Amino acid sequence: MRYKLTFVVGLALGYVIGTRAGRERYEQLRKSARQFAQNPAVRNAAESAAHNGREIAGRAFSAVSGKVGDRMPESVAERVRSLRERGANREDDWGTSNT
């Protein structure tokens, strides 16, 4: 019960503070977030992280499938294949190429 009360109080406090800040502050935060996401350094870091994640997933799949053999669930194998295909000379979600 204590946690529910704390949650409700936090929710009410957030609502009051949010309404006082108003639409102008919301738009300002939204603009800042958009500028941050469109920053080339941030985009390159996200691209690099996605590429490294795909690479590590492929290596992990190879290592595990070598030990597990045919017992690898097809859903896991299909997901890894889709990640490999996505990373192969294709544009990512940011609209930039993986170079």
N, C-alpha and C. Protein backbone atom coordinates (compact mmCIF):
# COMPACT_ATOMS: atom_id res chain seq x y z
N MET A 1 0.83 -1.19 0.00
CA MET A 1 0.00 0.00 0.00
C MET A 1 0.87 1.26 0.00
N ARG A 2 1.97 1.21 0.73
CA ARG A 2 2.85 2.36 0.81
C ARG A 2 3.41 2.73 -0.56
N TYR A 3 3.75 1.70 -1.34
CA TYR A 3 4.32 1.95 -2.66
C TYR A 3 3.27 2.53 -3.62
N LYS A 4 2.05 2.08 -3.49
CA LYS A 4 0.98 2.64 -4.32
C LYS A 4 0.77 4.11 -4.01
N LEU A 5 0.77 4.44 -2.73
CA LEU A 5 0.58 5.82 -2.32
C LEU A 5 1.74 6.69 -2.82
N THR A 6 2.97 6.17 -2.73
CA THR A 6 4.14 6.90 -3.22
C THR A 6 4.03 7.13 -4.72
N PHE A 7 3.59 6.10 -5.43
CA PHE A 7 3.43 6.22 -6.88
C PHE A 7 2.39 7.27 -7.23
N VAL A 8 1.26 7.26 -6.57
CA VAL A 8 0.18 8.22 -6.85
C VAL A 8 0.64 9.64 -6.53
N VAL A 9 1.34 9.81 -5.43
CA VAL A 9 1.84 11.14 -5.07
C VAL A 9 2.84 11.61 -6.12
N GLY A 10 3.74 10.73 -6.55
CA GLY A 10 4.71 11.08 -7.58
C GLY A 10 4.04 11.42 -8.89
N LEU A 11 3.02 10.67 -9.24
CA LEU A 11 2.27 10.93 -10.47
C LEU A 11 1.59 12.30 -10.40
N ALA A 12 0.96 12.60 -9.28
CA ALA A 12 0.30 13.88 -9.11
C ALA A 12 1.30 15.03 -9.15
N LEU A 13 2.42 14.86 -8.50
CA LEU A 13 3.46 15.89 -8.48
C LEU A 13 4.00 16.12 -9.89
N GLY A 14 4.25 15.04 -10.61
CA GLY A 14 4.72 15.17 -11.99
C GLY A 14 3.71 15.87 -12.88
N TYR A 15 2.44 15.58 -12.67
CA TYR A 15 1.40 16.23 -13.45
C TYR A 15 1.37 17.74 -13.17
N VAL A 16 1.42 18.10 -11.90
CA VAL A 16 1.36 19.52 -11.53
C VAL A 16 2.57 20.27 -12.09
N ILE A 17 3.75 19.69 -11.91
CA ILE A 17 4.96 20.35 -12.42
C ILE A 17 4.92 20.43 -13.94
N GLY A 18 4.45 19.38 -14.57
CA GLY A 18 4.36 19.36 -16.03
C GLY A 18 3.39 20.38 -16.58
N THR A 19 2.27 20.54 -15.92
CA THR A 19 1.29 21.51 -16.42
C THR A 19 1.77 22.94 -16.19
N ARG A 20 2.54 23.14 -15.14
CA ARG A 20 3.06 24.49 -14.91
C ARG A 20 4.14 24.85 -15.92
N ALA A 21 4.91 23.86 -16.32
CA ALA A 21 5.94 24.12 -17.33
C ALA A 21 5.29 24.49 -18.65
N GLY A 22 4.19 23.85 -18.96
CA GLY A 22 3.42 24.22 -20.14
C GLY A 22 3.96 23.68 -21.45
N ARG A 23 3.22 24.02 -22.48
CA ARG A 23 3.51 23.56 -23.82
C ARG A 23 4.83 24.11 -24.35
N GLU A 24 5.15 25.33 -23.98
CA GLU A 24 6.38 25.96 -24.47
C GLU A 24 7.61 25.16 -24.04
N ARG A 25 7.65 24.76 -22.79
CA ARG A 25 8.78 23.98 -22.28
C ARG A 25 8.82 22.61 -22.95
N TYR A 26 7.66 22.02 -23.17
CA TYR A 26 7.59 20.73 -23.86
C TYR A 26 8.19 20.84 -25.26
N GLU A 27 7.80 21.86 -25.97
CA GLU A 27 8.33 22.05 -27.33
C GLU A 27 9.84 22.29 -27.30
N GLN A 28 10.31 23.01 -26.30
CA GLN A 28 11.74 23.26 -26.16
C GLN A 28 12.50 21.95 -25.92
N LEU A 29 11.99 21.11 -25.04
CA LEU A 29 12.62 19.81 -24.78
C LEU A 29 12.60 18.92 -26.02
N ARG A 30 11.48 18.95 -26.73
CA ARG A 30 11.35 18.14 -27.93
C ARG A 30 12.35 18.57 -29.01
N LYS A 31 12.53 19.89 -29.16
CA LYS A 31 13.48 20.41 -30.13
C LYS A 31 14.90 20.01 -29.76
N SER A 32 15.22 20.09 -28.48
CA SER A 32 16.55 19.70 -28.01
C SER A 32 16.81 18.22 -28.27
N ALA A 33 15.82 17.39 -28.01
CA ALA A 33 15.97 15.95 -28.24
C ALA A 33 16.16 15.66 -29.72
N ARG A 34 15.43 16.36 -30.57
CA ARG A 34 15.56 16.16 -32.02
C ARG A 34 16.95 16.59 -32.50
N GLN A 35 17.44 17.71 -32.00
CA GLN A 35 18.78 18.17 -32.38
C GLN A 35 19.84 17.19 -31.91
N PHE A 36 19.68 16.65 -30.73
CA PHE A 36 20.62 15.66 -30.21
C PHE A 36 20.62 14.41 -31.08
N ALA A 37 19.44 13.93 -31.44
CA ALA A 37 19.34 12.71 -32.25
C ALA A 37 19.88 12.91 -33.66
N GLN A 38 19.84 14.13 -34.17
CA GLN A 38 20.32 14.40 -35.52
C GLN A 38 21.79 14.78 -35.57
N ASN A 39 22.43 14.86 -34.42
CA ASN A 39 23.85 15.17 -34.35
C ASN A 39 24.65 14.04 -35.02
N PRO A 40 25.55 14.36 -35.95
CA PRO A 40 26.31 13.31 -36.64
C PRO A 40 27.11 12.40 -35.70
N ALA A 41 27.65 12.95 -34.63
CA ALA A 41 28.41 12.13 -33.68
C ALA A 41 27.50 11.12 -33.00
N VAL A 42 26.31 11.55 -32.63
CA VAL A 42 25.36 10.64 -31.99
C VAL A 42 24.91 9.57 -32.97
N ARG A 43 24.64 9.98 -34.20
CA ARG A 43 24.20 9.02 -35.22
C ARG A 43 25.29 7.99 -35.50
N ASN A 44 26.55 8.45 -35.59
CA ASN A 44 27.65 7.52 -35.83
C ASN A 44 27.82 6.55 -34.66
N ALA A 45 27.66 7.05 -33.44
CA ALA A 45 27.78 6.18 -32.27
C ALA A 45 26.67 5.14 -32.27
N ALA A 46 25.45 5.54 -32.60
CA ALA A 46 24.34 4.59 -32.65
C ALA A 46 24.55 3.56 -33.76
N GLU A 47 25.03 4.02 -34.90
CA GLU A 47 25.32 3.14 -36.02
C GLU A 47 26.40 2.13 -35.64
N SER A 48 27.44 2.61 -35.01
CA SER A 48 28.54 1.75 -34.60
C SER A 48 28.07 0.72 -33.57
N ALA A 49 27.26 1.14 -32.62
CA ALA A 49 26.75 0.23 -31.61
C ALA A 49 25.87 -0.85 -32.24
N ALA A 50 25.04 -0.46 -33.20
CA ALA A 50 24.18 -1.44 -33.88
C ALA A 50 25.03 -2.44 -34.67
N HIS A 51 26.04 -1.94 -35.35
CA HIS A 51 26.92 -2.82 -36.13
C HIS A 51 27.65 -3.80 -35.21
N ASN A 52 28.20 -3.29 -34.12
CA ASN A 52 28.91 -4.16 -33.17
C ASN A 52 27.97 -5.19 -32.55
N GLY A 53 26.75 -4.78 -32.27
CA GLY A 53 25.77 -5.71 -31.71
C GLY A 53 25.46 -6.85 -32.67
N ARG A 54 25.29 -6.50 -33.96
CA ARG A 54 25.03 -7.54 -34.96
C ARG A 54 26.22 -8.49 -35.08
N GLU A 55 27.41 -7.92 -35.06
CA GLU A 55 28.62 -8.72 -35.19
C GLU A 55 28.77 -9.68 -34.01
N ILE A 56 28.55 -9.19 -32.82
CA ILE A 56 28.67 -10.02 -31.62
C ILE A 56 27.59 -11.08 -31.59
N ALA A 57 26.38 -10.74 -32.01
CA ALA A 57 25.30 -11.72 -32.06
C ALA A 57 25.64 -12.85 -33.03
N GLY A 58 26.23 -12.51 -34.16
CA GLY A 58 26.63 -13.53 -35.13
C GLY A 58 27.70 -14.45 -34.56
N ARG A 59 28.69 -13.88 -33.89
CA ARG A 59 29.75 -14.70 -33.29
C ARG A 59 29.19 -15.58 -32.17
N ALA A 60 28.30 -15.02 -31.37
CA ALA A 60 27.71 -15.80 -30.28
C ALA A 60 26.87 -16.94 -30.84
N PHE A 61 26.14 -16.66 -31.91
CA PHE A 61 25.33 -17.71 -32.53
C PHE A 61 26.21 -18.83 -33.05
N SER A 62 27.31 -18.47 -33.70
CA SER A 62 28.22 -19.48 -34.22
C SER A 62 28.81 -20.33 -33.10
N ALA A 63 29.22 -19.67 -32.02
CA ALA A 63 29.80 -20.40 -30.90
C ALA A 63 28.79 -21.33 -30.24
N VAL A 64 27.59 -20.83 -30.05
CA VAL A 64 26.57 -21.63 -29.38
C VAL A 64 26.08 -22.75 -30.30
N SER A 65 25.86 -22.44 -31.57
CA SER A 65 25.35 -23.46 -32.47
C SER A 65 26.36 -24.58 -32.68
N GLY A 66 27.66 -24.26 -32.59
CA GLY A 66 28.68 -25.30 -32.68
C GLY A 66 28.61 -26.27 -31.52
N LYS A 67 28.25 -25.77 -30.36
CA LYS A 67 28.16 -26.62 -29.17
C LYS A 67 26.79 -27.29 -29.05
N VAL A 68 25.75 -26.58 -29.47
CA VAL A 68 24.40 -27.09 -29.30
C VAL A 68 23.98 -27.95 -30.49
N GLY A 69 24.45 -27.59 -31.66
CA GLY A 69 24.13 -28.37 -32.86
C GLY A 69 22.70 -28.15 -33.32
N ASP A 70 22.00 -29.22 -33.58
CA ASP A 70 20.63 -29.14 -34.10
C ASP A 70 19.61 -28.76 -33.04
N ARG A 71 20.03 -28.65 -31.81
CA ARG A 71 19.08 -28.31 -30.75
C ARG A 71 18.82 -26.81 -30.66
N MET A 72 19.46 -26.01 -31.52
CA MET A 72 19.25 -24.56 -31.54
C MET A 72 17.81 -24.29 -31.99
N PRO A 73 17.04 -23.55 -31.20
CA PRO A 73 15.66 -23.24 -31.60
C PRO A 73 15.64 -22.47 -32.93
N GLU A 74 14.71 -22.81 -33.77
CA GLU A 74 14.61 -22.18 -35.08
C GLU A 74 14.32 -20.68 -34.96
N SER A 75 13.60 -20.29 -33.91
CA SER A 75 13.31 -18.86 -33.74
C SER A 75 14.59 -18.06 -33.50
N VAL A 76 15.53 -18.63 -32.77
CA VAL A 76 16.80 -17.95 -32.52
C VAL A 76 17.61 -17.88 -33.80
N ALA A 77 17.67 -18.99 -34.52
CA ALA A 77 18.42 -19.02 -35.78
C ALA A 77 17.83 -18.02 -36.78
N GLU A 78 16.53 -17.92 -36.84
CA GLU A 78 15.88 -16.99 -37.78
C GLU A 78 16.17 -15.55 -37.40
N ARG A 79 16.16 -15.25 -36.11
CA ARG A 79 16.44 -13.88 -35.66
C ARG A 79 17.87 -13.47 -36.01
N VAL A 80 18.82 -14.36 -35.82
CA VAL A 80 20.21 -14.05 -36.14
C VAL A 80 20.37 -13.85 -37.65
N ARG A 81 19.71 -14.70 -38.43
CA ARG A 81 19.78 -14.53 -39.89
C ARG A 81 19.22 -13.18 -40.31
N SER A 82 18.11 -12.76 -39.70
CA SER A 82 17.52 -11.47 -40.06
C SER A 82 18.44 -10.32 -39.67
N LEU A 83 19.14 -10.44 -38.54
CA LEU A 83 20.09 -9.40 -38.14
C LEU A 83 21.26 -9.33 -39.11
N ARG A 84 21.74 -10.48 -39.55
CA ARG A 84 22.84 -10.50 -40.51
C ARG A 84 22.43 -9.85 -41.81
N GLU A 85 21.24 -10.18 -42.30
CA GLU A 85 20.76 -9.61 -43.56
C GLU A 85 20.57 -8.10 -43.44
N ARG A 86 20.09 -7.68 -42.30
CA ARG A 86 19.85 -6.26 -42.10
C ARG A 86 21.16 -5.47 -42.13
N GLY A 87 22.22 -6.06 -41.62
CA GLY A 87 23.49 -5.37 -41.55
C GLY A 87 24.28 -5.40 -42.84
N ALA A 88 23.87 -6.20 -43.80
CA ALA A 88 24.65 -6.37 -45.03
C ALA A 88 24.29 -5.29 -46.05
N ASN A 89 25.11 -4.25 -46.14
CA ASN A 89 24.98 -3.20 -47.16
C ASN A 89 23.56 -2.65 -47.27
N ARG A 90 22.99 -2.33 -46.18
CA ARG A 90 21.64 -1.79 -46.18
C ARG A 90 21.62 -0.55 -45.31
N GLU A 91 20.75 0.38 -45.64
CA GLU A 91 20.63 1.57 -44.80
C GLU A 91 19.98 1.19 -43.48
N ASP A 92 20.41 1.87 -42.44
CA ASP A 92 19.84 1.60 -41.14
C ASP A 92 18.61 2.48 -40.90
N ASP A 93 18.09 2.43 -39.70
CA ASP A 93 16.87 3.19 -39.35
C ASP A 93 17.10 4.69 -39.36
N TRP A 94 18.37 5.13 -39.31
CA TRP A 94 18.67 6.55 -39.27
C TRP A 94 18.73 7.15 -40.67
N GLY A 95 18.70 6.31 -41.69
CA GLY A 95 18.75 6.81 -43.05
C GLY A 95 20.16 7.02 -43.56
N THR A 96 21.13 6.49 -42.83
CA THR A 96 22.52 6.62 -43.27
C THR A 96 23.05 5.22 -43.58
N SER A 97 24.07 5.17 -44.40
CA SER A 97 24.62 3.85 -44.75
C SER A 97 25.62 3.41 -43.71
N ASN A 98 25.78 2.11 -43.60
CA ASN A 98 26.75 1.54 -42.65
C ASN A 98 28.11 1.48 -43.33
N THR A 99 28.87 2.54 -43.18
CA THR A 99 30.19 2.57 -43.80
C THR A 99 31.26 2.55 -42.77
